[in-house]
Amino acid sequence: DVTGTMTADGIIMSDNDVVKLGNSSDLWIYHNGGNSIISDVGTGDLYLAGDNLRLTNAALSEVYARGYANGKFSLYYDNAEKLATTSTGVDVTGGIVVDQESGGQGISLQRSGYDTMDIELSENGLRIRNETDGRTDLFIDGSGSVGIGTSSPSAVLDIESTSATQLELKRSGSAGQIAAMIFKDGGDAQNRI
């Protein structure tokens, strides 16, 4: 038992011997024989505070994560930054893999005051869906057929809509060609459709 301040060159403790801090012994630091543990067993949050934070391996040679006051927080893979927060969102270096479980919504895009949109991958293809009203806006099946307003395209391009106008092509700025000629494979001017 120590009353006052203890000064030591080091403290050696056995496994499961716990350093307990706080009036109610809320913070515990110990080794249980297999793992080293810092545990907040009381009320409130556990803070790791510093203007610059770095989470590394035991040799301090490989960075897992870094944080900066009034700046970004970054996650690393094999010492290379892969994801970093920014003032407007996040920056990602490399690809993004979403392992969508069966029945999952995939990637959900939300903006306050607007409909929520989901990008989903099903066994039949890729779908962009309006989650707010359940409407399929765009669907691409495994054969490359595209459905707009339908998840079961019956043609290479299938547009289904309750709007009176199904397809509208406009050219703005100047007069000229709007669409290329549409004709059969190997066709000529006589059998163009």
Protein backbone atom coordinates (compact mmCIF):
# COMPACT_ATOMS: atom_id res chain seq x y z
CA ASP A 1 0.00 0.00 0.00
CA VAL A 2 1.34 3.40 -1.00
CA THR A 3 0.12 6.74 0.23
CA GLY A 4 1.33 9.70 -1.84
CA THR A 5 3.58 9.51 -4.88
CA MET A 6 5.54 6.38 -5.83
CA THR A 7 8.67 6.68 -7.96
CA ALA A 8 10.11 3.52 -9.50
CA ASP A 9 12.47 2.45 -12.27
CA GLY A 10 9.88 -0.12 -13.38
CA ILE A 11 7.00 -2.24 -12.13
CA ILE A 12 6.96 -5.98 -12.76
CA MET A 13 3.60 -7.71 -12.35
CA SER A 14 2.45 -11.25 -13.04
CA ASP A 15 -0.31 -12.34 -15.42
CA ASN A 16 -3.78 -11.29 -14.28
CA ASP A 17 -2.36 -8.79 -11.77
CA VAL A 18 -4.37 -5.66 -12.55
CA VAL A 19 -3.40 -2.01 -12.32
CA LYS A 20 -6.64 -0.29 -11.29
CA LEU A 21 -7.01 3.46 -11.63
CA GLY A 22 -9.73 5.86 -10.48
CA ASN A 23 -11.73 6.23 -7.27
CA SER A 24 -13.94 3.33 -8.31
CA SER A 25 -11.15 1.37 -10.02
CA ASP A 26 -12.76 2.11 -13.41
CA LEU A 27 -9.66 1.70 -15.60
CA TRP A 28 -7.86 -1.63 -15.65
CA ILE A 29 -4.53 -2.42 -17.32
CA TYR A 30 -3.23 -5.98 -17.24
CA HIS A 31 -2.02 -9.06 -19.12
CA ASN A 32 -4.11 -12.23 -18.80
CA GLY A 33 -1.47 -14.65 -20.08
CA GLY A 34 -2.63 -14.46 -23.68
CA ASN A 35 -3.54 -10.83 -24.31
CA SER A 36 -2.73 -7.35 -23.06
CA ILE A 37 -5.86 -5.50 -22.01
CA ILE A 38 -6.84 -1.89 -21.30
CA SER A 39 -10.40 -1.98 -20.03
CA ASP A 40 -12.79 0.77 -18.98
CA VAL A 41 -15.12 -1.06 -16.61
CA GLY A 42 -16.86 2.03 -15.25
CA THR A 43 -18.98 4.84 -16.63
CA GLY A 44 -18.03 7.26 -19.40
CA ASP A 45 -15.84 6.81 -22.44
CA LEU A 46 -12.29 5.53 -22.83
CA TYR A 47 -10.18 8.30 -24.38
CA LEU A 48 -6.88 7.85 -26.23
CA ALA A 49 -5.95 11.51 -26.54
CA GLY A 50 -3.29 13.33 -28.52
CA ASP A 51 -3.00 15.88 -31.30
CA ASN A 52 -1.32 13.20 -33.43
CA LEU A 53 -2.26 9.57 -32.89
CA ARG A 54 -0.60 6.54 -34.43
CA LEU A 55 -1.55 2.87 -34.10
CA THR A 56 1.34 0.61 -35.10
CA ASN A 57 2.81 -2.85 -34.76
CA ALA A 58 4.97 -3.76 -31.76
CA ALA A 59 8.18 -2.69 -33.54
CA LEU A 60 6.64 0.73 -34.40
CA SER A 61 7.59 0.08 -38.04
CA GLU A 62 4.18 -0.54 -39.60
CA VAL A 63 1.28 1.90 -39.30
CA TYR A 64 -2.30 0.62 -38.97
CA ALA A 65 -4.04 3.98 -38.44
CA ARG A 66 -3.17 7.66 -37.94
CA GLY A 67 -5.17 10.63 -36.74
CA TYR A 68 -4.43 14.34 -36.79
CA ALA A 69 -6.05 17.18 -34.84
CA ASN A 70 -8.30 19.23 -37.12
CA GLY A 71 -7.30 16.96 -39.98
CA LYS A 72 -7.71 13.54 -41.47
CA PHE A 73 -7.93 10.09 -39.96
CA SER A 74 -6.36 7.38 -42.10
CA LEU A 75 -6.44 3.59 -42.27
CA TYR A 76 -3.51 1.66 -43.75
CA TYR A 77 -2.85 -1.72 -45.35
CA ASP A 78 0.73 -2.98 -45.24
CA ASN A 79 1.94 0.55 -44.36
CA ALA A 80 0.09 2.14 -47.32
CA GLU A 81 -2.75 4.61 -46.76
CA LYS A 82 -6.00 3.21 -48.18
CA LEU A 83 -8.82 5.28 -46.65
CA ALA A 84 -8.71 8.83 -45.29
CA THR A 85 -11.38 11.20 -44.05
CA THR A 86 -11.50 14.63 -45.68
CA SER A 87 -13.41 17.85 -45.06
CA THR A 88 -16.03 16.71 -47.59
CA GLY A 89 -16.12 12.93 -47.04
CA VAL A 90 -13.51 10.21 -47.61
CA ASP A 91 -10.76 9.43 -50.13
CA VAL A 92 -10.15 5.80 -51.09
CA THR A 93 -6.94 4.53 -52.69
CA GLY A 94 -7.60 1.33 -54.62
CA GLY A 95 -10.88 -0.51 -55.14
CA ILE A 96 -13.90 -0.91 -52.91
CA VAL A 97 -15.29 -4.42 -52.39
CA VAL A 98 -18.79 -4.74 -50.96
CA ASP A 99 -19.55 -8.32 -49.91
CA GLN A 100 -23.32 -8.13 -50.16
CA GLU A 101 -25.11 -10.86 -48.23
CA SER A 102 -28.21 -12.49 -49.70
CA GLY A 103 -31.08 -10.05 -49.43
CA GLY A 104 -28.75 -7.18 -48.48
CA GLN A 105 -29.12 -3.75 -49.98
CA GLY A 106 -25.56 -3.40 -51.25
CA ILE A 107 -24.57 0.26 -51.34
CA SER A 108 -27.12 2.77 -50.11
CA LEU A 109 -26.88 6.42 -51.16
CA GLN A 110 -28.77 8.94 -49.06
CA ARG A 111 -29.21 12.68 -49.16
CA SER A 112 -31.37 14.57 -46.70
CA GLY A 113 -34.72 15.47 -48.21
CA TYR A 114 -34.35 13.16 -51.22
CA ASP A 115 -35.15 9.52 -52.00
CA THR A 116 -32.69 6.83 -50.89
CA MET A 117 -31.06 4.89 -53.73
CA ASP A 118 -29.57 1.39 -53.46
CA ILE A 119 -27.03 -0.27 -55.74
CA GLU A 120 -27.58 -4.01 -55.43
CA LEU A 121 -26.05 -7.12 -56.95
CA SER A 122 -28.44 -10.06 -57.20
CA GLU A 123 -28.17 -13.51 -58.75
CA ASN A 124 -29.74 -12.03 -61.91
CA GLY A 125 -27.74 -8.84 -62.35
CA LEU A 126 -27.01 -5.32 -61.13
CA ARG A 127 -29.87 -3.11 -60.01
CA ILE A 128 -30.20 0.55 -59.04
CA ARG A 129 -33.32 0.77 -56.92
CA ASN A 130 -35.25 3.63 -55.36
CA GLU A 131 -35.54 2.33 -51.80
CA THR A 132 -38.03 5.02 -50.84
CA ASP A 133 -40.77 3.74 -53.15
CA GLY A 134 -39.35 0.32 -54.12
CA ARG A 135 -39.00 1.24 -57.81
CA THR A 136 -36.29 -0.32 -60.00
CA ASP A 137 -34.72 2.53 -61.97
CA LEU A 138 -31.98 0.61 -63.81
CA PHE A 139 -31.21 -3.09 -64.20
CA ILE A 140 -28.41 -4.82 -66.12
CA ASP A 141 -28.73 -8.59 -66.39
CA GLY A 142 -26.02 -11.19 -66.92
CA SER A 143 -26.39 -11.13 -70.71
CA GLY A 144 -25.90 -7.35 -70.90
CA SER A 145 -29.57 -6.46 -71.43
CA VAL A 146 -30.58 -3.16 -69.83
CA GLY A 147 -33.91 -2.47 -68.22
CA ILE A 148 -34.97 1.07 -67.36
CA GLY A 149 -37.95 0.94 -65.03
CA THR A 150 -37.93 -2.87 -65.02
CA SER A 151 -35.82 -5.65 -63.51
CA SER A 152 -36.84 -8.09 -66.29
CA PRO A 153 -35.70 -6.57 -69.59
CA SER A 154 -37.30 -8.31 -72.58
CA ALA A 155 -34.91 -6.73 -75.08
CA VAL A 156 -31.32 -5.48 -75.17
CA LEU A 157 -32.78 -2.13 -74.09
CA ASP A 158 -36.18 -2.28 -72.41
CA ILE A 159 -37.70 1.01 -71.25
CA GLU A 160 -40.85 0.77 -69.15
CA SER A 161 -42.46 3.86 -67.72
CA THR A 162 -45.86 5.26 -66.83
CA SER A 163 -44.85 8.46 -68.60
CA ALA A 164 -46.52 9.13 -71.96
CA THR A 165 -43.10 9.70 -73.55
CA GLN A 166 -40.93 6.58 -73.41
CA LEU A 167 -37.83 7.89 -75.16
CA GLU A 168 -36.84 11.44 -75.97
CA LEU A 169 -33.64 12.46 -77.75
CA LYS A 170 -32.59 16.11 -77.86
CA ARG A 171 -29.62 17.99 -79.21
CA SER A 172 -28.92 21.37 -77.69
CA GLY A 173 -26.72 24.20 -78.92
CA SER A 174 -26.88 23.58 -82.67
CA ALA A 175 -28.81 21.75 -85.35
CA GLY A 176 -27.47 18.42 -86.54
CA GLN A 177 -27.60 14.67 -86.26
CA ILE A 178 -29.16 13.35 -83.05
CA ALA A 179 -28.70 9.60 -83.46
CA ALA A 180 -26.65 7.37 -85.74
CA MET A 181 -28.41 5.27 -88.39
CA ILE A 182 -30.07 2.14 -87.04
CA PHE A 183 -29.83 -0.86 -89.37
CA LYS A 184 -29.59 -4.64 -89.43
CA ASP A 185 -26.26 -6.43 -89.13
CA GLY A 186 -24.61 -6.27 -92.59
CA GLY A 187 -27.43 -4.13 -93.85
CA ASP A 188 -27.34 -1.42 -96.49
CA ALA A 189 -29.41 1.62 -97.28
CA GLN A 190 -32.27 -0.51 -98.58
CA ASN A 191 -32.89 -2.55 -95.40
CA ARG A 192 -32.15 0.04 -92.77
CA ILE A 193 -34.86 0.24 -90.17
